[in-house]
Amino acid sequence: MDAVQEISWFPLGDEAALDERAQVLYARCREKLGFVPNVFQAYQWRPQRLRAWLDYFDDVMRPSESLPLVDRELIAVAVSMANGCSYCLVAHGYSVRKLIGDPITGDRATFDHRRAGLDERRRAMLDYAVKVTRTPGACEPSDLDALKAHGFSDEDVWDIAEVAALFNLTNRMAHATGMLANPEYHAMAR
């Protein structure tokens, strides 16, 4: 195994040239995680795109009372599993394990939400996110009705679709750029 892991097939850019907001984010990541996630480093060669992606990511992943962060992270891994995105499965699999507080259930939810022992509400949410991913042209009003029957509001359903769409974009960029997740994620929240 190579001692140095390639982060992306593209240039990384100069971290020192990033704006103050990115510098603060990187410092916070190093303090909390012990490293800067490779996705940030992969985007840093296009600083304007990094800022735009971070703004959108932060807004879409902001938890609400009825769709907490754990649900948003579950959507992230369900979409990433459907897309075969190892970067997001590793990075957001860590988040799911941490938020659920059980590494076995967290890993099961990451790799096969249908067999993870999740409640019907979450399974319906994740099935819809996978439908948005695999067969978006097949989405119809009855999908919204089914989610509302599980207690989701119009805003929740929109957020489920938007989180799924965000991770479809992110997965595709990870694939297209050859992004690899930081090795540290594999051992975290175990």
N, C-alpha and C. Protein backbone atom coordinates (compact mmCIF):
# COMPACT_ATOMS: atom_id res chain seq x y z
N MET A 1 0.84 -1.19 0.00
CA MET A 1 0.00 0.00 0.00
C MET A 1 0.88 1.25 0.00
N ASP A 2 0.50 2.22 -0.78
CA ASP A 2 1.28 3.46 -0.85
C ASP A 2 1.18 4.23 0.45
N ALA A 3 2.29 4.82 0.87
CA ALA A 3 2.31 5.61 2.10
C ALA A 3 1.52 6.90 1.94
N VAL A 4 1.50 7.44 0.72
CA VAL A 4 0.78 8.68 0.46
C VAL A 4 -0.44 8.35 -0.39
N GLN A 5 -1.58 8.76 0.09
CA GLN A 5 -2.83 8.50 -0.62
C GLN A 5 -3.17 9.67 -1.53
N GLU A 6 -3.51 9.37 -2.75
CA GLU A 6 -3.95 10.42 -3.67
C GLU A 6 -5.34 10.88 -3.26
N ILE A 7 -5.55 12.17 -3.16
CA ILE A 7 -6.83 12.74 -2.74
C ILE A 7 -7.76 12.88 -3.93
N SER A 8 -7.22 13.31 -5.06
CA SER A 8 -8.02 13.57 -6.26
C SER A 8 -7.11 13.48 -7.47
N TRP A 9 -7.72 13.27 -8.62
CA TRP A 9 -6.94 13.26 -9.86
C TRP A 9 -6.62 14.67 -10.33
N PHE A 10 -7.17 15.67 -9.67
CA PHE A 10 -6.98 17.07 -10.06
C PHE A 10 -6.01 17.74 -9.10
N PRO A 11 -5.46 18.90 -9.48
CA PRO A 11 -4.57 19.60 -8.56
C PRO A 11 -5.31 19.99 -7.28
N LEU A 12 -4.57 20.11 -6.20
CA LEU A 12 -5.20 20.44 -4.92
C LEU A 12 -5.26 21.94 -4.65
N GLY A 13 -4.48 22.70 -5.30
CA GLY A 13 -4.46 24.13 -5.00
C GLY A 13 -3.69 24.42 -3.73
N ASP A 14 -3.64 25.68 -3.39
CA ASP A 14 -2.85 26.15 -2.26
C ASP A 14 -3.77 26.44 -1.08
N GLU A 15 -3.69 25.63 -0.07
CA GLU A 15 -4.51 25.83 1.13
C GLU A 15 -4.28 27.21 1.74
N ALA A 16 -3.06 27.68 1.72
CA ALA A 16 -2.73 28.98 2.32
C ALA A 16 -3.42 30.13 1.59
N ALA A 17 -3.81 29.92 0.35
CA ALA A 17 -4.46 30.99 -0.42
C ALA A 17 -5.98 31.04 -0.22
N LEU A 18 -6.51 30.13 0.56
CA LEU A 18 -7.96 30.11 0.79
C LEU A 18 -8.39 31.29 1.65
N ASP A 19 -9.64 31.68 1.53
CA ASP A 19 -10.17 32.81 2.31
C ASP A 19 -10.27 32.46 3.79
N GLU A 20 -10.57 33.47 4.59
CA GLU A 20 -10.60 33.30 6.04
C GLU A 20 -11.63 32.26 6.48
N ARG A 21 -12.79 32.24 5.82
CA ARG A 21 -13.83 31.28 6.19
C ARG A 21 -13.32 29.84 6.02
N ALA A 22 -12.65 29.56 4.92
CA ALA A 22 -12.11 28.22 4.69
C ALA A 22 -11.01 27.90 5.69
N GLN A 23 -10.18 28.90 6.01
CA GLN A 23 -9.11 28.68 7.00
C GLN A 23 -9.70 28.31 8.36
N VAL A 24 -10.78 29.00 8.74
CA VAL A 24 -11.46 28.70 10.01
C VAL A 24 -12.05 27.29 9.97
N LEU A 25 -12.68 26.94 8.86
CA LEU A 25 -13.25 25.60 8.70
C LEU A 25 -12.17 24.54 8.81
N TYR A 26 -11.07 24.73 8.13
CA TYR A 26 -9.97 23.76 8.18
C TYR A 26 -9.44 23.62 9.61
N ALA A 27 -9.28 24.74 10.30
CA ALA A 27 -8.79 24.69 11.69
C ALA A 27 -9.78 23.93 12.57
N ARG A 28 -11.07 24.19 12.37
CA ARG A 28 -12.10 23.49 13.16
C ARG A 28 -12.08 21.99 12.87
N CYS A 29 -11.91 21.62 11.61
CA CYS A 29 -11.83 20.20 11.25
C CYS A 29 -10.62 19.54 11.90
N ARG A 30 -9.49 20.21 11.86
CA ARG A 30 -8.28 19.64 12.47
C ARG A 30 -8.45 19.48 13.97
N GLU A 31 -9.16 20.42 14.58
CA GLU A 31 -9.40 20.35 16.03
C GLU A 31 -10.37 19.22 16.37
N LYS A 32 -11.48 19.13 15.64
CA LYS A 32 -12.53 18.15 15.96
C LYS A 32 -12.24 16.75 15.43
N LEU A 33 -11.73 16.66 14.21
CA LEU A 33 -11.52 15.37 13.57
C LEU A 33 -10.07 14.91 13.59
N GLY A 34 -9.16 15.88 13.63
CA GLY A 34 -7.74 15.56 13.53
C GLY A 34 -7.22 15.64 12.11
N PHE A 35 -8.07 16.05 11.16
CA PHE A 35 -7.69 16.14 9.75
C PHE A 35 -8.71 17.00 9.01
N VAL A 36 -8.34 17.39 7.80
CA VAL A 36 -9.25 18.11 6.90
C VAL A 36 -9.83 17.08 5.94
N PRO A 37 -11.16 16.98 5.85
CA PRO A 37 -11.74 16.01 4.91
C PRO A 37 -11.23 16.24 3.48
N ASN A 38 -10.93 15.13 2.82
CA ASN A 38 -10.38 15.21 1.47
C ASN A 38 -11.30 15.92 0.50
N VAL A 39 -12.61 15.87 0.71
CA VAL A 39 -13.52 16.56 -0.21
C VAL A 39 -13.21 18.05 -0.23
N PHE A 40 -12.91 18.64 0.92
CA PHE A 40 -12.56 20.06 0.95
C PHE A 40 -11.27 20.31 0.18
N GLN A 41 -10.29 19.44 0.42
CA GLN A 41 -9.00 19.60 -0.25
C GLN A 41 -9.13 19.41 -1.76
N ALA A 42 -10.01 18.51 -2.17
CA ALA A 42 -10.22 18.29 -3.61
C ALA A 42 -10.84 19.52 -4.27
N TYR A 43 -11.73 20.18 -3.55
CA TYR A 43 -12.40 21.37 -4.10
C TYR A 43 -11.56 22.64 -3.98
N GLN A 44 -10.53 22.66 -3.13
CA GLN A 44 -9.84 23.91 -2.81
C GLN A 44 -9.11 24.53 -3.99
N TRP A 45 -8.82 23.78 -5.02
CA TRP A 45 -8.16 24.38 -6.19
C TRP A 45 -9.12 25.27 -6.97
N ARG A 46 -10.42 25.17 -6.69
CA ARG A 46 -11.45 26.04 -7.25
C ARG A 46 -12.15 26.71 -6.08
N PRO A 47 -11.51 27.68 -5.40
CA PRO A 47 -12.02 28.26 -4.16
C PRO A 47 -13.47 28.77 -4.23
N GLN A 48 -13.85 29.35 -5.35
CA GLN A 48 -15.22 29.85 -5.48
C GLN A 48 -16.22 28.69 -5.46
N ARG A 49 -15.85 27.58 -6.10
CA ARG A 49 -16.72 26.40 -6.10
C ARG A 49 -16.77 25.77 -4.71
N LEU A 50 -15.64 25.78 -4.01
CA LEU A 50 -15.62 25.26 -2.64
C LEU A 50 -16.58 26.05 -1.78
N ARG A 51 -16.55 27.39 -1.88
CA ARG A 51 -17.45 28.23 -1.08
C ARG A 51 -18.91 27.95 -1.44
N ALA A 52 -19.21 27.87 -2.73
CA ALA A 52 -20.59 27.63 -3.17
C ALA A 52 -21.08 26.27 -2.71
N TRP A 53 -20.24 25.25 -2.83
CA TRP A 53 -20.62 23.90 -2.41
C TRP A 53 -20.83 23.86 -0.89
N LEU A 54 -19.92 24.49 -0.15
CA LEU A 54 -20.07 24.51 1.31
C LEU A 54 -21.34 25.23 1.74
N ASP A 55 -21.64 26.37 1.11
CA ASP A 55 -22.86 27.10 1.45
C ASP A 55 -24.09 26.23 1.23
N TYR A 56 -24.15 25.59 0.07
CA TYR A 56 -25.30 24.75 -0.25
C TYR A 56 -25.36 23.53 0.68
N PHE A 57 -24.23 22.87 0.87
CA PHE A 57 -24.16 21.70 1.75
C PHE A 57 -24.64 22.06 3.16
N ASP A 58 -24.10 23.14 3.71
CA ASP A 58 -24.47 23.55 5.07
C ASP A 58 -25.96 23.84 5.18
N ASP A 59 -26.53 24.49 4.17
CA ASP A 59 -27.94 24.83 4.19
C ASP A 59 -28.82 23.58 4.09
N VAL A 60 -28.51 22.71 3.15
CA VAL A 60 -29.33 21.52 2.94
C VAL A 60 -29.21 20.53 4.11
N MET A 61 -28.04 20.44 4.70
CA MET A 61 -27.84 19.48 5.80
C MET A 61 -28.21 20.04 7.17
N ARG A 62 -28.66 21.30 7.22
CA ARG A 62 -29.06 21.89 8.50
C ARG A 62 -30.28 21.15 9.03
N PRO A 63 -30.18 20.57 10.23
CA PRO A 63 -31.29 19.78 10.76
C PRO A 63 -32.50 20.63 11.11
N SER A 64 -33.64 20.00 11.05
CA SER A 64 -34.88 20.61 11.52
C SER A 64 -35.45 19.68 12.59
N GLU A 65 -36.45 20.15 13.29
CA GLU A 65 -37.04 19.32 14.35
C GLU A 65 -37.61 18.02 13.79
N SER A 66 -38.23 18.10 12.61
CA SER A 66 -38.87 16.92 12.05
C SER A 66 -37.97 16.11 11.11
N LEU A 67 -36.81 16.66 10.73
CA LEU A 67 -35.85 15.93 9.91
C LEU A 67 -34.45 16.22 10.48
N PRO A 68 -34.12 15.50 11.56
CA PRO A 68 -32.85 15.76 12.25
C PRO A 68 -31.64 15.35 11.41
N LEU A 69 -30.47 15.70 11.91
CA LEU A 69 -29.23 15.42 11.19
C LEU A 69 -29.06 13.93 10.91
N VAL A 70 -29.42 13.07 11.85
CA VAL A 70 -29.26 11.63 11.62
C VAL A 70 -30.06 11.19 10.40
N ASP A 71 -31.25 11.72 10.19
CA ASP A 71 -32.04 11.36 9.01
C ASP A 71 -31.37 11.87 7.74
N ARG A 72 -30.84 13.07 7.79
CA ARG A 72 -30.16 13.63 6.62
C ARG A 72 -28.91 12.81 6.29
N GLU A 73 -28.19 12.36 7.30
CA GLU A 73 -27.01 11.52 7.07
C GLU A 73 -27.43 10.14 6.57
N LEU A 74 -28.55 9.61 7.05
CA LEU A 74 -29.05 8.34 6.52
C LEU A 74 -29.39 8.45 5.04
N ILE A 75 -29.99 9.58 4.66
CA ILE A 75 -30.26 9.82 3.24
C ILE A 75 -28.95 9.85 2.46
N ALA A 76 -27.95 10.52 3.02
CA ALA A 76 -26.64 10.60 2.35
C ALA A 76 -26.07 9.23 2.05
N VAL A 77 -26.14 8.31 3.03
CA VAL A 77 -25.55 6.99 2.79
C VAL A 77 -26.42 6.11 1.92
N ALA A 78 -27.75 6.26 1.99
CA ALA A 78 -28.62 5.47 1.11
C ALA A 78 -28.39 5.85 -0.34
N VAL A 79 -28.29 7.14 -0.61
CA VAL A 79 -28.01 7.62 -1.97
C VAL A 79 -26.61 7.17 -2.40
N SER A 80 -25.65 7.30 -1.51
CA SER A 80 -24.27 6.93 -1.83
C SER A 80 -24.14 5.44 -2.09
N MET A 81 -24.91 4.63 -1.37
CA MET A 81 -24.90 3.18 -1.63
C MET A 81 -25.49 2.90 -3.00
N ALA A 82 -26.59 3.56 -3.33
CA ALA A 82 -27.22 3.38 -4.64
C ALA A 82 -26.27 3.78 -5.77
N ASN A 83 -25.43 4.75 -5.51
CA ASN A 83 -24.47 5.24 -6.52
C ASN A 83 -23.11 4.55 -6.43
N GLY A 84 -22.89 3.73 -5.42
CA GLY A 84 -21.59 3.08 -5.26
C GLY A 84 -20.47 4.06 -4.98
N CYS A 85 -20.76 5.11 -4.20
CA CYS A 85 -19.76 6.14 -3.93
C CYS A 85 -19.00 5.82 -2.64
N SER A 86 -17.82 5.27 -2.79
CA SER A 86 -17.05 4.87 -1.60
C SER A 86 -16.68 6.07 -0.73
N TYR A 87 -16.39 7.23 -1.35
CA TYR A 87 -16.03 8.39 -0.54
C TYR A 87 -17.13 8.69 0.47
N CYS A 88 -18.34 8.86 0.00
CA CYS A 88 -19.44 9.26 0.89
C CYS A 88 -19.88 8.13 1.80
N LEU A 89 -19.77 6.88 1.35
CA LEU A 89 -20.09 5.76 2.24
C LEU A 89 -19.15 5.74 3.44
N VAL A 90 -17.89 6.00 3.19
CA VAL A 90 -16.90 6.00 4.29
C VAL A 90 -17.10 7.22 5.19
N ALA A 91 -17.13 8.41 4.60
CA ALA A 91 -17.20 9.64 5.40
C ALA A 91 -18.55 9.78 6.11
N HIS A 92 -19.64 9.56 5.40
CA HIS A 92 -20.96 9.72 6.02
C HIS A 92 -21.39 8.48 6.78
N GLY A 93 -20.77 7.33 6.46
CA GLY A 93 -20.97 6.14 7.30
C GLY A 93 -20.47 6.40 8.71
N TYR A 94 -19.34 7.10 8.82
CA TYR A 94 -18.85 7.51 10.14
C TYR A 94 -19.89 8.36 10.86
N SER A 95 -20.45 9.33 10.15
CA SER A 95 -21.44 10.22 10.76
C SER A 95 -22.66 9.44 11.24
N VAL A 96 -23.12 8.49 10.43
CA VAL A 96 -24.27 7.67 10.82
C VAL A 96 -23.94 6.85 12.07
N ARG A 97 -22.78 6.21 12.09
CA ARG A 97 -22.37 5.43 13.28
C ARG A 97 -22.34 6.32 14.52
N LYS A 98 -21.77 7.51 14.37
CA LYS A 98 -21.65 8.43 15.51
C LYS A 98 -23.02 8.90 15.98
N LEU A 99 -23.89 9.29 15.05
CA LEU A 99 -25.20 9.83 15.42
C LEU A 99 -26.14 8.76 15.97
N ILE A 100 -26.07 7.56 15.42
CA ILE A 100 -26.90 6.46 15.92
C ILE A 100 -26.36 5.94 17.25
N GLY A 101 -25.04 6.03 17.42
CA GLY A 101 -24.42 5.60 18.66
C GLY A 101 -24.22 4.10 18.75
N ASP A 102 -24.32 3.42 17.63
CA ASP A 102 -24.15 1.97 17.58
C ASP A 102 -23.48 1.63 16.25
N PRO A 103 -22.23 1.18 16.29
CA PRO A 103 -21.52 0.94 15.03
C PRO A 103 -22.14 -0.16 14.17
N ILE A 104 -22.74 -1.14 14.77
CA ILE A 104 -23.34 -2.23 13.98
C ILE A 104 -24.57 -1.72 13.24
N THR A 105 -25.48 -1.09 13.96
CA THR A 105 -26.68 -0.53 13.32
C THR A 105 -26.27 0.55 12.32
N GLY A 106 -25.29 1.35 12.66
CA GLY A 106 -24.82 2.39 11.76
C GLY A 106 -24.30 1.82 10.46
N ASP A 107 -23.47 0.78 10.54
CA ASP A 107 -22.95 0.15 9.33
C ASP A 107 -24.07 -0.54 8.54
N ARG A 108 -24.97 -1.20 9.23
CA ARG A 108 -26.09 -1.84 8.52
C ARG A 108 -26.93 -0.81 7.80
N ALA A 109 -27.21 0.31 8.45
CA ALA A 109 -27.99 1.37 7.81
C ALA A 109 -27.24 1.96 6.62
N THR A 110 -25.94 2.04 6.71
CA THR A 110 -25.13 2.57 5.63
C THR A 110 -25.15 1.67 4.40
N PHE A 111 -25.03 0.37 4.61
CA PHE A 111 -24.88 -0.54 3.48
C PHE A 111 -26.18 -1.19 3.00
N ASP A 112 -27.21 -1.25 3.85
CA ASP A 112 -28.49 -1.83 3.43
C ASP A 112 -29.58 -1.38 4.39
N HIS A 113 -30.12 -0.20 4.11
CA HIS A 113 -31.09 0.38 5.04
C HIS A 113 -32.33 -0.49 5.23
N ARG A 114 -32.64 -1.33 4.26
CA ARG A 114 -33.84 -2.17 4.36
C ARG A 114 -33.68 -3.27 5.40
N ARG A 115 -32.45 -3.64 5.71
CA ARG A 115 -32.21 -4.73 6.66
C ARG A 115 -31.54 -4.24 7.95
N ALA A 116 -31.59 -2.95 8.18
CA ALA A 116 -30.87 -2.38 9.33
C ALA A 116 -31.71 -2.30 10.59
N GLY A 117 -32.98 -2.68 10.52
CA GLY A 117 -33.83 -2.58 11.70
C GLY A 117 -34.37 -1.18 11.94
N LEU A 118 -34.38 -0.35 10.90
CA LEU A 118 -34.91 1.01 11.03
C LEU A 118 -36.44 0.94 11.04
N ASP A 119 -37.06 1.95 11.62
CA ASP A 119 -38.52 1.98 11.65
C ASP A 119 -39.10 2.25 10.26
N GLU A 120 -40.41 2.03 10.11
CA GLU A 120 -41.07 2.17 8.81
C GLU A 120 -40.94 3.58 8.25
N ARG A 121 -41.00 4.57 9.11
CA ARG A 121 -40.90 5.96 8.66
C ARG A 121 -39.55 6.22 7.98
N ARG A 122 -38.49 5.79 8.63
CA ARG A 122 -37.16 5.99 8.04
C ARG A 122 -36.97 5.14 6.79
N ARG A 123 -37.48 3.92 6.78
CA ARG A 123 -37.36 3.10 5.57
C ARG A 123 -38.08 3.76 4.40
N ALA A 124 -39.26 4.32 4.65
CA ALA A 124 -40.01 5.01 3.58
C ALA A 124 -39.21 6.22 3.08
N MET A 125 -38.63 6.97 4.00
CA MET A 125 -37.82 8.13 3.64
C MET A 125 -36.64 7.71 2.76
N LEU A 126 -35.96 6.65 3.15
CA LEU A 126 -34.77 6.21 2.43
C LEU A 126 -35.14 5.56 1.09
N ASP A 127 -36.26 4.84 1.06
CA ASP A 127 -36.72 4.27 -0.22
C ASP A 127 -37.01 5.38 -1.22
N TYR A 128 -37.60 6.48 -0.74
CA TYR A 128 -37.88 7.61 -1.62
C TYR A 128 -36.58 8.26 -2.10
N ALA A 129 -35.61 8.42 -1.21
CA ALA A 129 -34.32 9.00 -1.60
C ALA A 129 -33.64 8.14 -2.65
N VAL A 130 -33.75 6.82 -2.53
CA VAL A 130 -33.17 5.92 -3.52
C VAL A 130 -33.93 6.03 -4.84
N LYS A 131 -35.25 6.20 -4.77
CA LYS A 131 -36.03 6.38 -6.00
C LYS A 131 -35.62 7.66 -6.71
N VAL A 132 -35.44 8.73 -5.95
CA VAL A 132 -34.97 10.00 -6.53
C VAL A 132 -33.62 9.79 -7.21
N THR A 133 -32.82 8.89 -6.69
CA THR A 133 -31.48 8.60 -7.22
C THR A 133 -31.53 7.71 -8.46
N ARG A 134 -32.24 6.61 -8.36
CA ARG A 134 -32.21 5.60 -9.42
C ARG A 134 -33.20 5.86 -10.55
N THR A 135 -34.41 6.30 -10.19
CA THR A 135 -35.46 6.47 -11.20
C THR A 135 -36.21 7.77 -10.97
N PRO A 136 -35.52 8.90 -11.07
CA PRO A 136 -36.16 10.18 -10.74
C PRO A 136 -37.36 10.49 -11.63
N GLY A 137 -37.36 10.02 -12.87
CA GLY A 137 -38.48 10.27 -13.76
C GLY A 137 -39.74 9.52 -13.36
N ALA A 138 -39.60 8.57 -12.46
CA ALA A 138 -40.75 7.79 -11.99
C ALA A 138 -41.40 8.41 -10.74
N CYS A 139 -40.83 9.50 -10.22
CA CYS A 139 -41.42 10.15 -9.04
C CYS A 139 -42.78 10.74 -9.41
N GLU A 140 -43.72 10.62 -8.49
CA GLU A 140 -45.07 11.10 -8.74
C GLU A 140 -45.73 11.55 -7.45
N PRO A 141 -46.87 12.22 -7.52
CA PRO A 141 -47.53 12.73 -6.31
C PRO A 141 -47.82 11.66 -5.26
N SER A 142 -48.04 10.44 -5.68
CA SER A 142 -48.31 9.38 -4.69
C SER A 142 -47.10 9.14 -3.78
N ASP A 143 -45.89 9.44 -4.25
CA ASP A 143 -44.71 9.32 -3.39
C ASP A 143 -44.81 10.30 -2.22
N LEU A 144 -45.25 11.52 -2.51
CA LEU A 144 -45.41 12.52 -1.47
C LEU A 144 -46.49 12.10 -0.49
N ASP A 145 -47.60 11.57 -1.02
CA ASP A 145 -48.69 11.11 -0.16
C ASP A 145 -48.22 10.00 0.77
N ALA A 146 -47.43 9.08 0.24
CA ALA A 146 -46.92 7.98 1.06
C ALA A 146 -46.04 8.50 2.19
N LEU A 147 -45.21 9.48 1.90
CA LEU A 147 -44.34 10.04 2.94
C LEU A 147 -45.16 10.83 3.96
N LYS A 148 -46.15 11.56 3.49
CA LYS A 148 -47.01 12.31 4.42
C LYS A 148 -47.77 11.36 5.35
N ALA A 149 -48.11 10.17 4.86
CA ALA A 149 -48.77 9.16 5.71
C ALA A 149 -47.86 8.71 6.85
N HIS A 150 -46.56 8.91 6.69
CA HIS A 150 -45.59 8.58 7.74
C HIS A 150 -45.27 9.80 8.62
N GLY A 151 -46.00 10.89 8.41
CA GLY A 151 -45.82 12.07 9.25
C GLY A 151 -44.89 13.13 8.71
N PHE A 152 -44.41 12.97 7.50
CA PHE A 152 -43.54 13.99 6.91
C PHE A 152 -44.39 15.14 6.37
N SER A 153 -43.93 16.37 6.55
CA SER A 153 -44.60 17.55 6.01
C SER A 153 -44.11 17.79 4.58
N ASP A 154 -44.75 18.75 3.89
CA ASP A 154 -44.28 19.14 2.56
C ASP A 154 -42.81 19.57 2.62
N GLU A 155 -42.46 20.34 3.65
CA GLU A 155 -41.08 20.81 3.79
C GLU A 155 -40.13 19.63 3.99
N ASP A 156 -40.56 18.65 4.78
CA ASP A 156 -39.71 17.47 4.99
C ASP A 156 -39.47 16.72 3.69
N VAL A 157 -40.55 16.52 2.92
CA VAL A 157 -40.42 15.78 1.66
C VAL A 157 -39.49 16.53 0.72
N TRP A 158 -39.65 17.85 0.66
CA TRP A 158 -38.73 18.66 -0.17
C TRP A 158 -37.29 18.45 0.29
N ASP A 159 -37.08 18.50 1.61
CA ASP A 159 -35.73 18.34 2.15
C ASP A 159 -35.17 16.95 1.84
N ILE A 160 -36.00 15.92 1.94
CA ILE A 160 -35.54 14.57 1.60
C ILE A 160 -35.06 14.54 0.15
N ALA A 161 -35.86 15.11 -0.75
CA ALA A 161 -35.49 15.14 -2.16
C ALA A 161 -34.23 15.97 -2.37
N GLU A 162 -34.12 17.10 -1.67
CA GLU A 162 -32.96 17.98 -1.86
C GLU A 162 -31.68 17.36 -1.30
N VAL A 163 -31.77 16.68 -0.17
CA VAL A 163 -30.58 16.00 0.36
C VAL A 163 -30.16 14.91 -0.62
N ALA A 164 -31.14 14.16 -1.14
CA ALA A 164 -30.82 13.12 -2.12
C ALA A 164 -30.14 13.74 -3.35
N ALA A 165 -30.68 14.85 -3.83
CA ALA A 165 -30.09 15.50 -5.00
C ALA A 165 -28.68 16.01 -4.72
N LEU A 166 -28.48 16.59 -3.54
CA LEU A 166 -27.15 17.06 -3.15
C LEU A 166 -26.15 15.92 -3.18
N PHE A 167 -26.54 14.78 -2.64
CA PHE A 167 -25.59 13.66 -2.60
C PHE A 167 -25.42 13.00 -3.96
N ASN A 168 -26.41 13.10 -4.83
CA ASN A 168 -26.19 12.64 -6.20
C ASN A 168 -25.12 13.50 -6.86
N LEU A 169 -25.17 14.81 -6.67
CA LEU A 169 -24.14 15.70 -7.19
C LEU A 169 -22.78 15.36 -6.57
N THR A 170 -22.75 15.28 -5.26
CA THR A 170 -21.49 15.04 -4.55
C THR A 170 -20.90 13.69 -4.93
N ASN A 171 -21.75 12.65 -5.03
CA ASN A 171 -21.26 11.33 -5.44
C ASN A 171 -20.66 11.38 -6.83
N ARG A 172 -21.32 12.07 -7.74
CA ARG A 172 -20.82 12.14 -9.10
C ARG A 172 -19.50 12.89 -9.18
N MET A 173 -19.36 13.94 -8.39
CA MET A 173 -18.08 14.65 -8.37
C MET A 173 -16.99 13.79 -7.75
N ALA A 174 -17.31 13.03 -6.72
CA ALA A 174 -16.32 12.14 -6.11
C ALA A 174 -15.85 11.09 -7.12
N HIS A 175 -16.80 10.52 -7.85
CA HIS A 175 -16.43 9.53 -8.88
C HIS A 175 -15.59 10.19 -9.98
N ALA A 176 -16.04 11.34 -10.47
CA ALA A 176 -15.39 11.99 -11.62
C ALA A 176 -14.00 12.52 -11.31
N THR A 177 -13.73 12.78 -10.03
CA THR A 177 -12.44 13.35 -9.65
C THR A 177 -11.51 12.32 -9.01
N GLY A 178 -12.00 11.10 -8.82
CA GLY A 178 -11.17 10.08 -8.19
C GLY A 178 -10.94 10.30 -6.71
N MET A 179 -11.86 11.01 -6.06
CA MET A 179 -11.72 11.32 -4.64
C MET A 179 -11.73 10.06 -3.77
N LEU A 180 -10.83 10.02 -2.83
CA LEU A 180 -10.81 8.96 -1.83
C LEU A 180 -11.02 9.58 -0.45
N ALA A 181 -11.75 8.88 0.39
CA ALA A 181 -12.00 9.35 1.75
C ALA A 181 -10.73 9.24 2.59
N ASN A 182 -10.65 10.11 3.57
CA ASN A 182 -9.52 10.06 4.51
C ASN A 182 -9.53 8.70 5.21
N PRO A 183 -8.37 8.06 5.30
CA PRO A 183 -8.31 6.74 5.94
C PRO A 183 -8.77 6.75 7.39
N GLU A 184 -8.63 7.87 8.06
CA GLU A 184 -9.00 7.96 9.48
C GLU A 184 -10.48 7.64 9.71
N TYR A 185 -11.34 7.97 8.74
CA TYR A 185 -12.78 7.73 8.90
C TYR A 185 -13.09 6.26 9.20
N HIS A 186 -12.32 5.35 8.63
CA HIS A 186 -12.63 3.92 8.75
C HIS A 186 -12.67 3.43 10.20
N ALA A 187 -11.87 4.01 11.05
CA ALA A 187 -11.79 3.54 12.43
C ALA A 187 -12.64 4.37 13.39
N MET A 188 -13.27 5.42 12.91
CA MET A 188 -13.98 6.35 13.80
C MET A 188 -15.38 5.83 14.15
N ALA A 189 -15.80 6.14 15.39
CA ALA A 189 -17.12 5.79 15.93
C ALA A 189 -17.33 4.28 15.89
N ARG A 190 -16.32 3.55 16.24
CA ARG A 190 -16.41 2.08 16.29
C ARG A 190 -16.36 1.60 17.72
